[in-house]
Amino acid sequence: TPHRNLAGQVEVELKKYLNDKTNWRAMLTDKREGEPDLIPSKQGAVAKLPQELAQYVTQ
């Protein structure tokens, strides 16, 4: 983004849909739920962004 304010707006929008809480107990025991497929997750998140913010997403 051209300035930090826009980056913050993108973050606020994305946190409505993406969980940013890490289960640190699972990290300590190395228990995994499988490898996430990040490309579809990114595409889904970008689709939920307002157009004025989605224009700043890179491929």
C-alpha atoms as a PDB file:
ATOM      1  CA  THR A   1       0.000   0.000   0.000  1.00  0.00           C
ATOM      2  CA  PRO A   2       1.187   3.547  -0.537  1.00  0.00           C
ATOM      3  CA  HIS A   3       0.864   4.396   3.172  1.00  0.00           C
ATOM      4  CA  ARG A   4       0.434   2.736   6.550  1.00  0.00           C
ATOM      5  CA  ASN A   5      -3.139   3.871   7.021  1.00  0.00           C
ATOM      6  CA  LEU A   6      -4.270   1.803   4.025  1.00  0.00           C
ATOM      7  CA  ALA A   7      -2.309  -1.196   5.300  1.00  0.00           C
ATOM      8  CA  GLY A   8      -4.167  -0.869   8.591  1.00  0.00           C
ATOM      9  CA  GLN A   9      -7.501  -0.716   6.781  1.00  0.00           C
ATOM     10  CA  VAL A  10      -6.635  -3.922   4.910  1.00  0.00           C
ATOM     11  CA  GLU A  11      -5.690  -5.591   8.194  1.00  0.00           C
ATOM     12  CA  VAL A  12      -8.955  -4.535   9.859  1.00  0.00           C
ATOM     13  CA  GLU A  13     -10.978  -5.967   6.959  1.00  0.00           C
ATOM     14  CA  LEU A  14      -9.024  -9.240   6.847  1.00  0.00           C
ATOM     15  CA  LYS A  15      -9.286  -9.908  10.566  1.00  0.00           C
ATOM     16  CA  LYS A  16     -13.057 -10.132  10.140  1.00  0.00           C
ATOM     17  CA  TYR A  17     -12.486 -13.366   8.197  1.00  0.00           C
ATOM     18  CA  LEU A  18      -9.101 -14.732   9.272  1.00  0.00           C
ATOM     19  CA  ASN A  19      -8.251 -16.081  12.700  1.00  0.00           C
ATOM     20  CA  ASP A  20      -5.011 -14.589  13.985  1.00  0.00           C
ATOM     21  CA  LYS A  21      -4.903 -16.582  17.213  1.00  0.00           C
ATOM     22  CA  THR A  22      -2.141 -19.146  17.419  1.00  0.00           C
ATOM     23  CA  ASN A  23      -2.698 -22.283  19.464  1.00  0.00           C
ATOM     24  CA  TRP A  24       0.689 -22.147  21.154  1.00  0.00           C
ATOM     25  CA  ARG A  25       0.058 -25.361  23.093  1.00  0.00           C
ATOM     26  CA  ALA A  26      -0.300 -27.277  19.837  1.00  0.00           C
ATOM     27  CA  MET A  27       2.906 -25.645  18.592  1.00  0.00           C
ATOM     28  CA  LEU A  28       4.797 -26.931  21.640  1.00  0.00           C
ATOM     29  CA  THR A  29       3.643 -30.499  21.043  1.00  0.00           C
ATOM     30  CA  ASP A  30       4.063 -30.240  17.255  1.00  0.00           C
ATOM     31  CA  LYS A  31       0.476 -31.377  16.676  1.00  0.00           C
ATOM     32  CA  ARG A  32      -0.666 -30.361  13.229  1.00  0.00           C
ATOM     33  CA  GLU A  33      -4.039 -30.409  11.569  1.00  0.00           C
ATOM     34  CA  GLY A  34      -2.450 -30.872   8.172  1.00  0.00           C
ATOM     35  CA  GLU A  35      -0.804 -28.439   5.832  1.00  0.00           C
ATOM     36  CA  PRO A  36      -3.036 -25.529   4.868  1.00  0.00           C
ATOM     37  CA  ASP A  37      -3.553 -24.729   1.208  1.00  0.00           C
ATOM     38  CA  LEU A  38      -2.675 -21.039   1.315  1.00  0.00           C
ATOM     39  CA  ILE A  39      -3.521 -20.038  -2.271  1.00  0.00           C
ATOM     40  CA  PRO A  40      -7.282 -20.695  -1.952  1.00  0.00           C
ATOM     41  CA  SER A  41      -7.230 -19.069   1.493  1.00  0.00           C
ATOM     42  CA  LYS A  42      -5.652 -15.938   0.019  1.00  0.00           C
ATOM     43  CA  GLN A  43      -8.094 -15.877  -2.888  1.00  0.00           C
ATOM     44  CA  GLY A  44     -11.049 -16.190  -0.529  1.00  0.00           C
ATOM     45  CA  ALA A  45      -9.779 -13.409   1.711  1.00  0.00           C
ATOM     46  CA  VAL A  46      -9.095 -11.078  -1.213  1.00  0.00           C
ATOM     47  CA  ALA A  47     -12.594 -11.727  -2.572  1.00  0.00           C
ATOM     48  CA  LYS A  48     -14.033 -10.364   0.684  1.00  0.00           C
ATOM     49  CA  LEU A  49     -12.021  -7.142   0.591  1.00  0.00           C
ATOM     50  CA  PRO A  50     -13.681  -3.992  -0.695  1.00  0.00           C
ATOM     51  CA  GLN A  51     -12.446  -3.183  -4.213  1.00  0.00           C
ATOM     52  CA  GLU A  52     -10.655  -0.026  -3.065  1.00  0.00           C
ATOM     53  CA  LEU A  53      -8.478  -2.200  -0.791  1.00  0.00           C
ATOM     54  CA  ALA A  54      -8.219  -5.319  -2.982  1.00  0.00           C
ATOM     55  CA  GLN A  55      -6.327  -3.337  -5.608  1.00  0.00           C
ATOM     56  CA  TYR A  56      -3.236  -3.417  -3.360  1.00  0.00           C
ATOM     57  CA  VAL A  57      -3.036  -7.214  -3.150  1.00  0.00           C
ATOM     58  CA  THR A  58      -0.120  -8.703  -5.054  1.00  0.00           C
ATOM     59  CA  GLN A  59      -0.034 -12.010  -6.870  1.00  0.00           C
END
